Amino acid sequence: MTDGRNAGLAGLDVVEAETEVDAAYYLQRAEWHEHRAAIATDASTRSLHRKFAGMYHARSQS
């Protein structure tokens, strides 16, 4: 079954399609946190966003 989340992933089974969608989502979140870290005005906020970016990058690989 194809819904809006995996519409461009024809030919993959549901599990593979969801994995591809999840990986793209986690990469997008990692990039968002990297950007937030880059514009953070204090060290603690920058550190927090870098930590989340690392976690999202790792999750996208699994």
N, C-alpha and C. Protein backbone atom coordinates (compact mmCIF):
# COMPACT_ATOMS: atom_id res chain seq x y z
N MET A 1 0.84 -1.18 0.00
CA MET A 1 0.00 0.00 0.00
C MET A 1 0.88 1.24 0.00
N THR A 2 0.53 2.20 -0.80
CA THR A 2 1.30 3.43 -0.88
C THR A 2 0.47 4.58 -0.35
N ASP A 3 1.06 5.32 0.56
CA ASP A 3 0.40 6.53 1.04
C ASP A 3 1.30 7.72 0.74
N GLY A 4 0.97 8.86 1.25
CA GLY A 4 1.73 10.07 0.96
C GLY A 4 3.17 10.02 1.43
N ARG A 5 3.45 9.22 2.46
CA ARG A 5 4.82 9.16 2.99
C ARG A 5 5.77 8.42 2.07
N ASN A 6 5.30 7.39 1.38
CA ASN A 6 6.21 6.60 0.57
C ASN A 6 5.81 6.54 -0.90
N ALA A 7 5.18 7.58 -1.37
CA ALA A 7 4.63 7.60 -2.73
C ALA A 7 5.71 7.42 -3.80
N GLY A 8 6.92 7.89 -3.58
CA GLY A 8 7.96 7.79 -4.59
C GLY A 8 8.81 6.54 -4.50
N LEU A 9 8.39 5.58 -3.73
CA LEU A 9 9.22 4.41 -3.48
C LEU A 9 8.61 3.14 -4.06
N ALA A 10 8.08 3.21 -5.24
CA ALA A 10 7.47 2.05 -5.89
C ALA A 10 8.52 0.95 -6.07
N GLY A 11 8.09 -0.27 -5.96
CA GLY A 11 8.98 -1.40 -6.13
C GLY A 11 9.59 -1.90 -4.83
N LEU A 12 9.46 -1.15 -3.77
CA LEU A 12 9.97 -1.59 -2.47
C LEU A 12 8.82 -2.15 -1.66
N ASP A 13 9.12 -3.13 -0.82
CA ASP A 13 8.05 -3.60 0.05
C ASP A 13 7.80 -2.55 1.13
N VAL A 14 6.76 -2.73 1.89
CA VAL A 14 6.34 -1.71 2.87
C VAL A 14 7.44 -1.44 3.89
N VAL A 15 8.10 -2.46 4.39
CA VAL A 15 9.15 -2.27 5.39
C VAL A 15 10.31 -1.48 4.80
N GLU A 16 10.75 -1.84 3.60
CA GLU A 16 11.84 -1.10 2.96
C GLU A 16 11.44 0.35 2.70
N ALA A 17 10.23 0.57 2.25
CA ALA A 17 9.76 1.92 1.96
C ALA A 17 9.72 2.75 3.24
N GLU A 18 9.20 2.17 4.32
CA GLU A 18 9.15 2.90 5.58
C GLU A 18 10.55 3.20 6.09
N THR A 19 11.48 2.27 5.91
CA THR A 19 12.86 2.49 6.33
C THR A 19 13.47 3.65 5.56
N GLU A 20 13.23 3.71 4.25
CA GLU A 20 13.74 4.82 3.44
C GLU A 20 13.14 6.15 3.89
N VAL A 21 11.85 6.16 4.14
CA VAL A 21 11.17 7.39 4.59
C VAL A 21 11.70 7.80 5.95
N ASP A 22 11.86 6.84 6.86
CA ASP A 22 12.38 7.14 8.19
C ASP A 22 13.79 7.71 8.11
N ALA A 23 14.64 7.12 7.29
CA ALA A 23 16.01 7.60 7.15
C ALA A 23 16.03 9.03 6.64
N ALA A 24 15.20 9.33 5.66
CA ALA A 24 15.13 10.69 5.13
C ALA A 24 14.65 11.67 6.21
N TYR A 25 13.68 11.25 6.99
CA TYR A 25 13.17 12.09 8.08
C TYR A 25 14.28 12.37 9.09
N TYR A 26 15.00 11.33 9.51
CA TYR A 26 16.06 11.51 10.50
C TYR A 26 17.18 12.40 9.97
N LEU A 27 17.51 12.26 8.69
CA LEU A 27 18.52 13.14 8.11
C LEU A 27 18.05 14.59 8.08
N GLN A 28 16.78 14.79 7.76
CA GLN A 28 16.23 16.14 7.76
C GLN A 28 16.30 16.75 9.16
N ARG A 29 15.95 15.98 10.16
CA ARG A 29 16.00 16.46 11.54
C ARG A 29 17.44 16.77 11.95
N ALA A 30 18.39 15.91 11.53
CA ALA A 30 19.80 16.15 11.85
C ALA A 30 20.27 17.46 11.24
N GLU A 31 19.89 17.71 9.99
CA GLU A 31 20.28 18.96 9.34
C GLU A 31 19.67 20.17 10.04
N TRP A 32 18.44 20.04 10.48
CA TRP A 32 17.78 21.14 11.19
C TRP A 32 18.55 21.45 12.47
N HIS A 33 18.92 20.41 13.22
CA HIS A 33 19.66 20.62 14.46
C HIS A 33 21.06 21.18 14.19
N GLU A 34 21.69 20.75 13.10
CA GLU A 34 23.00 21.32 12.74
C GLU A 34 22.88 22.81 12.46
N HIS A 35 21.82 23.18 11.74
CA HIS A 35 21.59 24.60 11.46
C HIS A 35 21.36 25.37 12.75
N ARG A 36 20.52 24.84 13.63
CA ARG A 36 20.25 25.51 14.90
C ARG A 36 21.52 25.66 15.73
N ALA A 37 22.39 24.64 15.69
CA ALA A 37 23.65 24.73 16.41
C ALA A 37 24.53 25.84 15.82
N ALA A 38 24.50 25.97 14.51
CA ALA A 38 25.33 26.97 13.84
C ALA A 38 24.91 28.39 14.18
N ILE A 39 23.64 28.60 14.47
CA ILE A 39 23.17 29.95 14.76
C ILE A 39 22.91 30.19 16.25
N ALA A 40 23.21 29.19 17.07
CA ALA A 40 23.00 29.34 18.51
C ALA A 40 23.88 30.44 19.07
N THR A 41 23.33 31.16 20.02
CA THR A 41 24.05 32.30 20.60
C THR A 41 24.80 31.93 21.88
N ASP A 42 24.59 30.74 22.39
CA ASP A 42 25.29 30.33 23.61
C ASP A 42 25.78 28.90 23.48
N ALA A 43 26.79 28.57 24.25
CA ALA A 43 27.44 27.27 24.15
C ALA A 43 26.53 26.11 24.53
N SER A 44 25.68 26.29 25.52
CA SER A 44 24.83 25.18 25.95
C SER A 44 23.80 24.82 24.87
N THR A 45 23.23 25.82 24.23
CA THR A 45 22.26 25.56 23.16
C THR A 45 22.96 24.91 21.97
N ARG A 46 24.14 25.42 21.64
CA ARG A 46 24.91 24.85 20.53
C ARG A 46 25.24 23.39 20.82
N SER A 47 25.67 23.09 22.02
CA SER A 47 26.01 21.73 22.41
C SER A 47 24.79 20.82 22.34
N LEU A 48 23.67 21.28 22.82
CA LEU A 48 22.45 20.49 22.80
C LEU A 48 22.04 20.14 21.38
N HIS A 49 22.05 21.14 20.48
CA HIS A 49 21.67 20.88 19.09
C HIS A 49 22.67 19.96 18.39
N ARG A 50 23.95 20.09 18.69
CA ARG A 50 24.95 19.18 18.11
C ARG A 50 24.71 17.76 18.58
N LYS A 51 24.36 17.61 19.84
CA LYS A 51 24.08 16.28 20.38
C LYS A 51 22.89 15.64 19.67
N PHE A 52 21.82 16.41 19.51
CA PHE A 52 20.64 15.88 18.81
C PHE A 52 20.96 15.59 17.34
N ALA A 53 21.75 16.44 16.71
CA ALA A 53 22.13 16.19 15.31
C ALA A 53 22.87 14.86 15.21
N GLY A 54 23.78 14.60 16.12
CA GLY A 54 24.51 13.34 16.12
C GLY A 54 23.60 12.15 16.32
N MET A 55 22.63 12.29 17.21
CA MET A 55 21.69 11.20 17.47
C MET A 55 20.85 10.92 16.24
N TYR A 56 20.37 11.99 15.58
CA TYR A 56 19.56 11.78 14.38
C TYR A 56 20.38 11.19 13.24
N HIS A 57 21.63 11.61 13.10
CA HIS A 57 22.49 11.01 12.06
C HIS A 57 22.67 9.52 12.32
N ALA A 58 22.94 9.18 13.56
CA ALA A 58 23.13 7.77 13.90
C ALA A 58 21.87 6.97 13.63
N ARG A 59 20.73 7.54 13.98
CA ARG A 59 19.45 6.83 13.78
C ARG A 59 19.16 6.63 12.29
N SER A 60 19.56 7.56 11.46
CA SER A 60 19.32 7.43 10.03
C SER A 60 20.13 6.30 9.41
N GLN A 61 21.21 5.91 10.07
CA GLN A 61 22.09 4.85 9.57
C GLN A 61 21.60 3.46 9.96
N SER A 62 20.73 3.36 10.96
CA SER A 62 20.33 2.04 11.44
C SER A 62 19.15 1.47 10.70
